[in-house]
Amino acid sequence: MYAVIETGGKQYRVSPGDTIKVERINASEGAEVDFPRVLLVATDKGVSVGEPVVPGAVVKGRVLEQGKAKKITVFKYKNKSRQSRKTMGHRQLFSSVRIESITL
């Protein structure tokens, strides 16, 4: 059994027991979270595709940790002009979530 959920503007294929890193969720570590935007649910009986979401389907998970990803370097410049160069760094906030159940 698996499902496709949408959170933080991205889509994730999840199964019970999976651990995923998603955009920061406003929940403390150890808290249970629901993902109501379920786009697809596949079971042994068949596949349910939402239009855009599957009615009544909910994916439940538990927040394992809140953190920051590795730092990336962002470098902007204008070609053939040494006037404009800019270097920045970015660390994306994330939540690590373990998927516990998929209900249809």
PDB file of N, CA and C in Angstrom:
ATOM      1  N   MET A   1       0.848  -1.176   0.000  1.00  0.00           N
ATOM      2  CA  MET A   1       0.000   0.000   0.000  1.00  0.00           C
ATOM      3  C   MET A   1       0.892   1.236   0.000  1.00  0.00           C
ATOM      4  N   TYR A   2       0.570   2.193  -0.851  1.00  0.00           N
ATOM      5  CA  TYR A   2       1.301   3.446  -0.854  1.00  0.00           C
ATOM      6  C   TYR A   2       0.362   4.573  -1.237  1.00  0.00           C
ATOM      7  N   ALA A   3       0.837   5.807  -1.009  1.00  0.00           N
ATOM      8  CA  ALA A   3       0.040   6.987  -1.326  1.00  0.00           C
ATOM      9  C   ALA A   3       0.977   8.073  -1.842  1.00  0.00           C
ATOM     10  N   VAL A   4       0.404   9.014  -2.571  1.00  0.00           N
ATOM     11  CA  VAL A   4       1.127  10.204  -3.000  1.00  0.00           C
ATOM     12  C   VAL A   4       0.487  11.379  -2.278  1.00  0.00           C
ATOM     13  N   ILE A   5       1.308  12.095  -1.482  1.00  0.00           N
ATOM     14  CA  ILE A   5       0.794  13.230  -0.725  1.00  0.00           C
ATOM     15  C   ILE A   5       1.447  14.511  -1.223  1.00  0.00           C
ATOM     16  N   GLU A   6       0.796  15.634  -0.930  1.00  0.00           N
ATOM     17  CA  GLU A   6       1.345  16.940  -1.278  1.00  0.00           C
ATOM     18  C   GLU A   6       1.499  17.746   0.005  1.00  0.00           C
ATOM     19  N   THR A   7       2.699  18.273   0.214  1.00  0.00           N
ATOM     20  CA  THR A   7       2.955  19.147   1.342  1.00  0.00           C
ATOM     21  C   THR A   7       4.129  20.045   1.002  1.00  0.00           C
ATOM     22  N   GLY A   8       4.031  21.295   1.363  1.00  0.00           N
ATOM     23  CA  GLY A   8       5.101  22.239   1.100  1.00  0.00           C
ATOM     24  C   GLY A   8       5.344  22.493  -0.372  1.00  0.00           C
ATOM     25  N   GLY A   9       4.310  22.312  -1.208  1.00  0.00           N
ATOM     26  CA  GLY A   9       4.456  22.541  -2.636  1.00  0.00           C
ATOM     27  C   GLY A   9       5.137  21.407  -3.378  1.00  0.00           C
ATOM     28  N   LYS A  10       5.384  20.279  -2.713  1.00  0.00           N
ATOM     29  CA  LYS A  10       6.039  19.141  -3.348  1.00  0.00           C
ATOM     30  C   LYS A  10       5.199  17.893  -3.141  1.00  0.00           C
ATOM     31  N   GLN A  11       5.429  16.887  -3.968  1.00  0.00           N
ATOM     32  CA  GLN A  11       4.703  15.629  -3.867  1.00  0.00           C
ATOM     33  C   GLN A  11       5.659  14.520  -3.435  1.00  0.00           C
ATOM     34  N   TYR A  12       5.160  13.617  -2.576  1.00  0.00           N
ATOM     35  CA  TYR A  12       5.970  12.538  -2.044  1.00  0.00           C
ATOM     36  C   TYR A  12       5.201  11.228  -2.155  1.00  0.00           C
ATOM     37  N   ARG A  13       5.891  10.152  -2.560  1.00  0.00           N
ATOM     38  CA  ARG A  13       5.315   8.810  -2.571  1.00  0.00           C
ATOM     39  C   ARG A  13       5.700   8.171  -1.246  1.00  0.00           C
ATOM     40  N   VAL A  14       4.705   7.781  -0.445  1.00  0.00           N
ATOM     41  CA  VAL A  14       4.961   7.278   0.905  1.00  0.00           C
ATOM     42  C   VAL A  14       4.260   5.950   1.143  1.00  0.00           C
ATOM     43  N   SER A  15       4.840   5.153   2.013  1.00  0.00           N
ATOM     44  CA  SER A  15       4.262   3.901   2.496  1.00  0.00           C
ATOM     45  C   SER A  15       4.371   3.900   4.015  1.00  0.00           C
ATOM     46  N   PRO A  16       3.568   3.106   4.716  1.00  0.00           N
ATOM     47  CA  PRO A  16       3.718   3.042   6.170  1.00  0.00           C
ATOM     48  C   PRO A  16       5.121   2.568   6.543  1.00  0.00           C
ATOM     49  N   GLY A  17       5.748   3.280   7.489  1.00  0.00           N
ATOM     50  CA  GLY A  17       7.095   2.950   7.913  1.00  0.00           C
ATOM     51  C   GLY A  17       8.176   3.791   7.246  1.00  0.00           C
ATOM     52  N   ASP A  18       7.844   4.522   6.189  1.00  0.00           N
ATOM     53  CA  ASP A  18       8.823   5.378   5.511  1.00  0.00           C
ATOM     54  C   ASP A  18       9.154   6.601   6.350  1.00  0.00           C
ATOM     55  N   THR A  19      10.375   7.120   6.183  1.00  0.00           N
ATOM     56  CA  THR A  19      10.784   8.374   6.800  1.00  0.00           C
ATOM     57  C   THR A  19      11.111   9.342   5.681  1.00  0.00           C
ATOM     58  N   ILE A  20      10.456  10.525   5.702  1.00  0.00           N
ATOM     59  CA  ILE A  20      10.675  11.518   4.646  1.00  0.00           C
ATOM     60  C   ILE A  20      11.063  12.854   5.273  1.00  0.00           C
ATOM     61  N   LYS A  21      11.790  13.659   4.501  1.00  0.00           N
ATOM     62  CA  LYS A  21      12.125  15.022   4.907  1.00  0.00           C
ATOM     63  C   LYS A  21      11.257  15.957   4.088  1.00  0.00           C
ATOM     64  N   VAL A  22      10.435  16.753   4.782  1.00  0.00           N
ATOM     65  CA  VAL A  22       9.523  17.679   4.115  1.00  0.00           C
ATOM     66  C   VAL A  22       9.835  19.100   4.569  1.00  0.00           C
ATOM     67  N   GLU A  23       9.229  20.079   3.906  1.00  0.00           N
ATOM     68  CA  GLU A  23       9.367  21.466   4.336  1.00  0.00           C
ATOM     69  C   GLU A  23       8.915  21.579   5.789  1.00  0.00           C
ATOM     70  N   ARG A  24       9.458  22.525   6.523  1.00  0.00           N
ATOM     71  CA  ARG A  24       9.195  22.685   7.957  1.00  0.00           C
ATOM     72  C   ARG A  24       7.697  22.690   8.242  1.00  0.00           C
ATOM     73  N   ILE A  25       7.294  21.860   9.192  1.00  0.00           N
ATOM     74  CA  ILE A  25       5.909  21.763   9.654  1.00  0.00           C
ATOM     75  C   ILE A  25       5.857  22.363  11.052  1.00  0.00           C
ATOM     76  N   ASN A  26       4.820  23.123  11.342  1.00  0.00           N
ATOM     77  CA  ASN A  26       4.660  23.731  12.665  1.00  0.00           C
ATOM     78  C   ASN A  26       4.145  22.682  13.650  1.00  0.00           C
ATOM     79  N   ALA A  27       5.043  21.839  14.133  1.00  0.00           N
ATOM     80  CA  ALA A  27       4.704  20.830  15.131  1.00  0.00           C
ATOM     81  C   ALA A  27       5.974  20.492  15.889  1.00  0.00           C
ATOM     82  N   SER A  28       5.825  20.158  17.150  1.00  0.00           N
ATOM     83  CA  SER A  28       7.001  19.826  17.953  1.00  0.00           C
ATOM     84  C   SER A  28       7.441  18.391  17.654  1.00  0.00           C
ATOM     85  N   GLU A  29       8.663  18.073  18.054  1.00  0.00           N
ATOM     86  CA  GLU A  29       9.175  16.725  17.852  1.00  0.00           C
ATOM     87  C   GLU A  29       8.340  15.736  18.655  1.00  0.00           C
ATOM     88  N   GLY A  30       7.972  14.631  18.034  1.00  0.00           N
ATOM     89  CA  GLY A  30       7.138  13.624  18.676  1.00  0.00           C
ATOM     90  C   GLY A  30       5.655  13.821  18.458  1.00  0.00           C
ATOM     91  N   ALA A  31       5.268  14.967  17.878  1.00  0.00           N
ATOM     92  CA  ALA A  31       3.844  15.244  17.654  1.00  0.00           C
ATOM     93  C   ALA A  31       3.339  14.477  16.425  1.00  0.00           C
ATOM     94  N   GLU A  32       2.056  14.139  16.467  1.00  0.00           N
ATOM     95  CA  GLU A  32       1.432  13.458  15.329  1.00  0.00           C
ATOM     96  C   GLU A  32       0.894  14.506  14.363  1.00  0.00           C
ATOM     97  N   VAL A  33       1.109  14.289  13.064  1.00  0.00           N
ATOM     98  CA  VAL A  33       0.643  15.220  12.038  1.00  0.00           C
ATOM     99  C   VAL A  33      -0.177  14.457  11.008  1.00  0.00           C
ATOM    100  N   ASP A  34      -1.142  15.150  10.415  1.00  0.00           N
ATOM    101  CA  ASP A  34      -1.980  14.587   9.356  1.00  0.00           C
ATOM    102  C   ASP A  34      -1.658  15.282   8.045  1.00  0.00           C
ATOM    103  N   PHE A  35      -1.675  14.521   6.968  1.00  0.00           N
ATOM    104  CA  PHE A  35      -1.523  15.069   5.620  1.00  0.00           C
ATOM    105  C   PHE A  35      -2.835  14.820   4.880  1.00  0.00           C
ATOM    106  N   PRO A  36      -3.744  15.814   4.848  1.00  0.00           N
ATOM    107  CA  PRO A  36      -5.052  15.594   4.220  1.00  0.00           C
ATOM    108  C   PRO A  36      -5.023  15.673   2.690  1.00  0.00           C
ATOM    109  N   ARG A  37      -3.972  16.273   2.105  1.00  0.00           N
ATOM    110  CA  ARG A  37      -3.885  16.389   0.648  1.00  0.00           C
ATOM    111  C   ARG A  37      -3.278  15.115   0.062  1.00  0.00           C
ATOM    112  N   VAL A  38      -4.110  14.073  -0.069  1.00  0.00           N
ATOM    113  CA  VAL A  38      -3.687  12.787  -0.620  1.00  0.00           C
ATOM    114  C   VAL A  38      -4.150  12.745  -2.070  1.00  0.00           C
ATOM    115  N   LEU A  39      -3.195  12.664  -2.993  1.00  0.00           N
ATOM    116  CA  LEU A  39      -3.509  12.725  -4.421  1.00  0.00           C
ATOM    117  C   LEU A  39      -3.795  11.359  -5.018  1.00  0.00           C
ATOM    118  N   LEU A  40      -3.225  10.295  -4.430  1.00  0.00           N
ATOM    119  CA  LEU A  40      -3.394   8.948  -4.974  1.00  0.00           C
ATOM    120  C   LEU A  40      -3.203   7.945  -3.849  1.00  0.00           C
ATOM    121  N   VAL A  41      -4.003   6.883  -3.862  1.00  0.00           N
ATOM    122  CA  VAL A  41      -3.844   5.784  -2.912  1.00  0.00           C
ATOM    123  C   VAL A  41      -3.889   4.480  -3.699  1.00  0.00           C
ATOM    124  N   ALA A  42      -2.858   3.648  -3.544  1.00  0.00           N
ATOM    125  CA  ALA A  42      -2.804   2.348  -4.218  1.00  0.00           C
ATOM    126  C   ALA A  42      -2.846   1.254  -3.153  1.00  0.00           C
ATOM    127  N   THR A  43      -3.804   0.337  -3.298  1.00  0.00           N
ATOM    128  CA  THR A  43      -3.935  -0.800  -2.387  1.00  0.00           C
ATOM    129  C   THR A  43      -3.933  -2.081  -3.215  1.00  0.00           C
ATOM    130  N   ASP A  44      -4.129  -3.214  -2.528  1.00  0.00           N
ATOM    131  CA  ASP A  44      -4.215  -4.493  -3.249  1.00  0.00           C
ATOM    132  C   ASP A  44      -5.460  -4.540  -4.133  1.00  0.00           C
ATOM    133  N   LYS A  45      -6.497  -3.810  -3.752  1.00  0.00           N
ATOM    134  CA  LYS A  45      -7.757  -3.823  -4.498  1.00  0.00           C
ATOM    135  C   LYS A  45      -7.721  -2.945  -5.740  1.00  0.00           C
ATOM    136  N   GLY A  46      -6.830  -1.953  -5.757  1.00  0.00           N
ATOM    137  CA  GLY A  46      -6.761  -1.057  -6.916  1.00  0.00           C
ATOM    138  C   GLY A  46      -6.184   0.290  -6.551  1.00  0.00           C
ATOM    139  N   VAL A  47      -6.290   1.187  -7.504  1.00  0.00           N
ATOM    140  CA  VAL A  47      -5.723   2.523  -7.339  1.00  0.00           C
ATOM    141  C   VAL A  47      -6.854   3.541  -7.316  1.00  0.00           C
ATOM    142  N   SER A  48      -6.821   4.455  -6.326  1.00  0.00           N
ATOM    143  CA  SER A  48      -7.782   5.552  -6.248  1.00  0.00           C
ATOM    144  C   SER A  48      -7.040   6.842  -6.566  1.00  0.00           C
ATOM    145  N   VAL A  49      -7.458   7.515  -7.628  1.00  0.00           N
ATOM    146  CA  VAL A  49      -6.825   8.763  -8.032  1.00  0.00           C
ATOM    147  C   VAL A  49      -7.772   9.904  -7.715  1.00  0.00           C
ATOM    148  N   GLY A  50      -7.256  10.947  -7.085  1.00  0.00           N
ATOM    149  CA  GLY A  50      -8.085  12.083  -6.695  1.00  0.00           C
ATOM    150  C   GLY A  50      -8.264  13.077  -7.817  1.00  0.00           C
ATOM    151  N   GLU A  51      -9.260  13.900  -7.652  1.00  0.00           N
ATOM    152  CA  GLU A  51      -9.568  14.952  -8.637  1.00  0.00           C
ATOM    153  C   GLU A  51      -9.790  16.265  -7.926  1.00  0.00           C
ATOM    154  N   PRO A  52      -8.888  16.946  -7.331  1.00  0.00           N
ATOM    155  CA  PRO A  52      -7.449  16.687  -7.220  1.00  0.00           C
ATOM    156  C   PRO A  52      -7.042  15.828  -6.031  1.00  0.00           C
ATOM    157  N   VAL A  53      -7.909  15.671  -5.000  1.00  0.00           N
ATOM    158  CA  VAL A  53      -7.540  14.844  -3.849  1.00  0.00           C
ATOM    159  C   VAL A  53      -8.537  13.702  -3.703  1.00  0.00           C
ATOM    160  N   VAL A  54      -8.091  12.630  -3.057  1.00  0.00           N
ATOM    161  CA  VAL A  54      -8.955  11.479  -2.803  1.00  0.00           C
ATOM    162  C   VAL A  54      -9.834  11.823  -1.603  1.00  0.00           C
ATOM    163  N   PRO A  55     -11.172  11.787  -1.750  1.00  0.00           N
ATOM    164  CA  PRO A  55     -12.038  12.167  -0.624  1.00  0.00           C
ATOM    165  C   PRO A  55     -11.933  11.164   0.528  1.00  0.00           C
ATOM    166  N   GLY A  56     -11.753  11.689   1.728  1.00  0.00           N
ATOM    167  CA  GLY A  56     -11.712  10.860   2.928  1.00  0.00           C
ATOM    168  C   GLY A  56     -10.363  10.222   3.224  1.00  0.00           C
ATOM    169  N   ALA A  57      -9.390  10.375   2.357  1.00  0.00           N
ATOM    170  CA  ALA A  57      -8.085   9.757   2.581  1.00  0.00           C
ATOM    171  C   ALA A  57      -7.207  10.677   3.426  1.00  0.00           C
ATOM    172  N   VAL A  58      -6.525  10.095   4.398  1.00  0.00           N
ATOM    173  CA  VAL A  58      -5.624  10.845   5.283  1.00  0.00           C
ATOM    174  C   VAL A  58      -4.387   9.997   5.533  1.00  0.00           C
ATOM    175  N   VAL A  59      -3.220  10.631   5.488  1.00  0.00           N
ATOM    176  CA  VAL A  59      -1.965   9.973   5.842  1.00  0.00           C
ATOM    177  C   VAL A  59      -1.519  10.551   7.183  1.00  0.00           C
ATOM    178  N   LYS A  60      -1.241   9.656   8.146  1.00  0.00           N
ATOM    179  CA  LYS A  60      -0.820  10.092   9.479  1.00  0.00           C
ATOM    180  C   LYS A  60       0.670   9.800   9.644  1.00  0.00           C
ATOM    181  N   GLY A  61       1.353  10.752  10.298  1.00  0.00           N
ATOM    182  CA  GLY A  61       2.778  10.589  10.544  1.00  0.00           C
ATOM    183  C   GLY A  61       3.164  11.181  11.882  1.00  0.00           C
ATOM    184  N   ARG A  62       4.422  10.953  12.257  1.00  0.00           N
ATOM    185  CA  ARG A  62       4.944  11.482  13.515  1.00  0.00           C
ATOM    186  C   ARG A  62       6.247  12.210  13.217  1.00  0.00           C
ATOM    187  N   VAL A  63       6.374  13.431  13.769  1.00  0.00           N
ATOM    188  CA  VAL A  63       7.564  14.244  13.548  1.00  0.00           C
ATOM    189  C   VAL A  63       8.711  13.672  14.371  1.00  0.00           C
ATOM    190  N   LEU A  64       9.813  13.311  13.691  1.00  0.00           N
ATOM    191  CA  LEU A  64      10.974  12.767  14.375  1.00  0.00           C
ATOM    192  C   LEU A  64      11.949  13.859  14.786  1.00  0.00           C
ATOM    193  N   GLU A  65      12.177  14.838  13.888  1.00  0.00           N
ATOM    194  CA  GLU A  65      13.092  15.933  14.211  1.00  0.00           C
ATOM    195  C   GLU A  65      12.799  17.151  13.349  1.00  0.00           C
ATOM    196  N   GLN A  66      13.229  18.297  13.871  1.00  0.00           N
ATOM    197  CA  GLN A  66      13.192  19.554  13.131  1.00  0.00           C
ATOM    198  C   GLN A  66      14.649  19.943  12.920  1.00  0.00           C
ATOM    199  N   GLY A  67      14.985  20.422  11.731  1.00  0.00           N
ATOM    200  CA  GLY A  67      16.385  20.749  11.519  1.00  0.00           C
ATOM    201  C   GLY A  67      16.617  21.662  10.340  1.00  0.00           C
ATOM    202  N   LYS A  68      17.905  21.852  10.034  1.00  0.00           N
ATOM    203  CA  LYS A  68      18.329  22.643   8.883  1.00  0.00           C
ATOM    204  C   LYS A  68      19.179  21.747   7.993  1.00  0.00           C
ATOM    205  N   ALA A  69      18.992  21.865   6.690  1.00  0.00           N
ATOM    206  CA  ALA A  69      19.766  21.073   5.741  1.00  0.00           C
ATOM    207  C   ALA A  69      21.177  21.641   5.608  1.00  0.00           C
ATOM    208  N   LYS A  70      22.011  20.973   4.836  1.00  0.00           N
ATOM    209  CA  LYS A  70      23.366  21.462   4.588  1.00  0.00           C
ATOM    210  C   LYS A  70      23.312  22.789   3.867  1.00  0.00           C
ATOM    211  N   LYS A  71      24.339  23.595   4.069  1.00  0.00           N
ATOM    212  CA  LYS A  71      24.388  24.914   3.458  1.00  0.00           C
ATOM    213  C   LYS A  71      24.721  24.790   1.967  1.00  0.00           C
ATOM    214  N   ILE A  72      23.993  25.545   1.141  1.00  0.00           N
ATOM    215  CA  ILE A  72      24.299  25.620  -0.279  1.00  0.00           C
ATOM    216  C   ILE A  72      24.751  27.037  -0.596  1.00  0.00           C
ATOM    217  N   THR A  73      25.551  27.170  -1.648  1.00  0.00           N
ATOM    218  CA  THR A  73      26.052  28.474  -2.057  1.00  0.00           C
ATOM    219  C   THR A  73      25.266  28.934  -3.262  1.00  0.00           C
ATOM    220  N   VAL A  74      24.758  30.162  -3.198  1.00  0.00           N
ATOM    221  CA  VAL A  74      24.029  30.772  -4.307  1.00  0.00           C
ATOM    222  C   VAL A  74      24.909  31.888  -4.842  1.00  0.00           C
ATOM    223  N   PHE A  75      25.253  31.838  -6.134  1.00  0.00           N
ATOM    224  CA  PHE A  75      26.141  32.833  -6.741  1.00  0.00           C
ATOM    225  C   PHE A  75      25.436  33.438  -7.938  1.00  0.00           C
ATOM    226  N   LYS A  76      25.225  34.761  -7.908  1.00  0.00           N
ATOM    227  CA  LYS A  76      24.570  35.473  -9.005  1.00  0.00           C
ATOM    228  C   LYS A  76      25.564  36.443  -9.618  1.00  0.00           C
ATOM    229  N   TYR A  77      25.506  36.568 -10.922  1.00  0.00           N
ATOM    230  CA  TYR A  77      26.366  37.553 -11.573  1.00  0.00           C
ATOM    231  C   TYR A  77      25.777  37.931 -12.922  1.00  0.00           C
ATOM    232  N   LYS A  78      26.191  39.072 -13.433  1.00  0.00           N
ATOM    233  CA  LYS A  78      25.808  39.518 -14.762  1.00  0.00           C
ATOM    234  C   LYS A  78      26.961  39.194 -15.710  1.00  0.00           C
ATOM    235  N   ASN A  79      26.654  38.547 -16.790  1.00  0.00           N
ATOM    236  CA  ASN A  79      27.662  38.132 -17.745  1.00  0.00           C
ATOM    237  C   ASN A  79      28.360  39.338 -18.383  1.00  0.00           C
ATOM    238  N   LYS A  80      29.688  39.252 -18.532  1.00  0.00           N
ATOM    239  CA  LYS A  80      30.525  40.270 -19.192  1.00  0.00           C
ATOM    240  C   LYS A  80      30.515  41.614 -18.492  1.00  0.00           C
ATOM    241  N   SER A  81      30.129  41.636 -17.248  1.00  0.00           N
ATOM    242  CA  SER A  81      30.123  42.887 -16.502  1.00  0.00           C
ATOM    243  C   SER A  81      30.622  42.565 -15.100  1.00  0.00           C
ATOM    244  N   ARG A  82      31.750  43.058 -14.725  1.00  0.00           N
ATOM    245  CA  ARG A  82      32.326  42.753 -13.417  1.00  0.00           C
ATOM    246  C   ARG A  82      31.715  43.622 -12.319  1.00  0.00           C
ATOM    247  N   GLN A  83      30.674  44.342 -12.662  1.00  0.00           N
ATOM    248  CA  GLN A  83      30.038  45.258 -11.718  1.00  0.00           C
ATOM    249  C   GLN A  83      29.122  44.512 -10.749  1.00  0.00           C
ATOM    250  N   SER A  84      28.515  43.439 -11.207  1.00  0.00           N
ATOM    251  CA  SER A  84      27.463  42.823 -10.414  1.00  0.00           C
ATOM    252  C   SER A  84      27.796  41.370 -10.117  1.00  0.00           C
ATOM    253  N   ARG A  85      28.227  41.093  -8.890  1.00  0.00           N
ATOM    254  CA  ARG A  85      28.459  39.739  -8.406  1.00  0.00           C
ATOM    255  C   ARG A  85      27.930  39.659  -6.976  1.00  0.00           C
ATOM    256  N   LYS A  86      27.276  38.559  -6.679  1.00  0.00           N
ATOM    257  CA  LYS A  86      26.675  38.435  -5.353  1.00  0.00           C
ATOM    258  C   LYS A  86      26.749  36.977  -4.909  1.00  0.00           C
ATOM    259  N   THR A  87      27.267  36.723  -3.735  1.00  0.00           N
ATOM    260  CA  THR A  87      27.349  35.377  -3.185  1.00  0.00           C
ATOM    261  C   THR A  87      26.518  35.329  -1.907  1.00  0.00           C
ATOM    262  N   MET A  88      25.667  34.322  -1.829  1.00  0.00           N
ATOM    263  CA  MET A  88      24.819  34.138  -0.656  1.00  0.00           C
ATOM    264  C   MET A  88      24.839  32.671  -0.271  1.00  0.00           C
ATOM    265  N   GLY A  89      24.440  32.365   0.947  1.00  0.00           N
ATOM    266  CA  GLY A  89      24.279  30.994   1.393  1.00  0.00           C
ATOM    267  C   GLY A  89      22.831  30.780   1.815  1.00  0.00           C
ATOM    268  N   HIS A  90      22.415  29.509   1.844  1.00  0.00           N
ATOM    269  CA  HIS A  90      21.044  29.198   2.244  1.00  0.00           C
ATOM    270  C   HIS A  90      21.023  27.845   2.935  1.00  0.00           C
ATOM    271  N   ARG A  91      20.308  27.757   4.047  1.00  0.00           N
ATOM    272  CA  ARG A  91      20.063  26.492   4.731  1.00  0.00           C
ATOM    273  C   ARG A  91      18.559  26.315   4.852  1.00  0.00           C
ATOM    274  N   GLN A  92      18.026  25.303   4.185  1.00  0.00           N
ATOM    275  CA  GLN A  92      16.588  25.059   4.156  1.00  0.00           C
ATOM    276  C   GLN A  92      16.145  24.375   5.449  1.00  0.00           C
ATOM    277  N   LEU A  93      15.057  24.850   6.037  1.00  0.00           N
ATOM    278  CA  LEU A  93      14.477  24.226   7.223  1.00  0.00           C
ATOM    279  C   LEU A  93      13.672  22.998   6.801  1.00  0.00           C
ATOM    280  N   PHE A  94      13.747  21.923   7.580  1.00  0.00           N
ATOM    281  CA  PHE A  94      13.007  20.717   7.236  1.00  0.00           C
ATOM    282  C   PHE A  94      12.457  20.050   8.487  1.00  0.00           C
ATOM    283  N   SER A  95      11.500  19.160   8.260  1.00  0.00           N
ATOM    284  CA  SER A  95      10.971  18.292   9.304  1.00  0.00           C
ATOM    285  C   SER A  95      11.116  16.859   8.821  1.00  0.00           C
ATOM    286  N   SER A  96      11.641  15.997   9.659  1.00  0.00           N
ATOM    287  CA  SER A  96      11.747  14.581   9.330  1.00  0.00           C
ATOM    288  C   SER A  96      10.511  13.887   9.910  1.00  0.00           C
ATOM    289  N   VAL A  97       9.749  13.207   9.049  1.00  0.00           N
ATOM    290  CA  VAL A  97       8.463  12.623   9.462  1.00  0.00           C
ATOM    291  C   VAL A  97       8.454  11.140   9.132  1.00  0.00           C
ATOM    292  N   ARG A  98       8.041  10.307  10.101  1.00  0.00           N
ATOM    293  CA  ARG A  98       7.850   8.883   9.857  1.00  0.00           C
ATOM    294  C   ARG A  98       6.364   8.643   9.587  1.00  0.00           C
ATOM    295  N   ILE A  99       6.053   7.996   8.480  1.00  0.00           N
ATOM    296  CA  ILE A  99       4.672   7.724   8.093  1.00  0.00           C
ATOM    297  C   ILE A  99       4.191   6.519   8.886  1.00  0.00           C
ATOM    298  N   GLU A 100       3.044   6.680   9.576  1.00  0.00           N
ATOM    299  CA  GLU A 100       2.525   5.603  10.410  1.00  0.00           C
ATOM    300  C   GLU A 100       1.367   4.861   9.769  1.00  0.00           C
ATOM    301  N   SER A 101       0.441   5.589   9.127  1.00  0.00           N
ATOM    302  CA  SER A 101      -0.708   4.891   8.541  1.00  0.00           C
ATOM    303  C   SER A 101      -1.296   5.678   7.385  1.00  0.00           C
ATOM    304  N   ILE A 102      -1.970   4.929   6.509  1.00  0.00           N
ATOM    305  CA  ILE A 102      -2.712   5.515   5.394  1.00  0.00           C
ATOM    306  C   ILE A 102      -4.132   5.009   5.519  1.00  0.00           C
ATOM    307  N   THR A 103      -5.086   5.936   5.684  1.00  0.00           N
ATOM    308  CA  THR A 103      -6.490   5.542   5.792  1.00  0.00           C
ATOM    309  C   THR A 103      -7.257   6.075   4.591  1.00  0.00           C
ATOM    310  N   LEU A 104      -8.146   5.249   4.098  1.00  0.00           N
ATOM    311  CA  LEU A 104      -8.926   5.595   2.907  1.00  0.00           C
ATOM    312  C   LEU A 104     -10.346   5.893   3.271  1.00  0.00           C
TER     313      LEU A 104
END
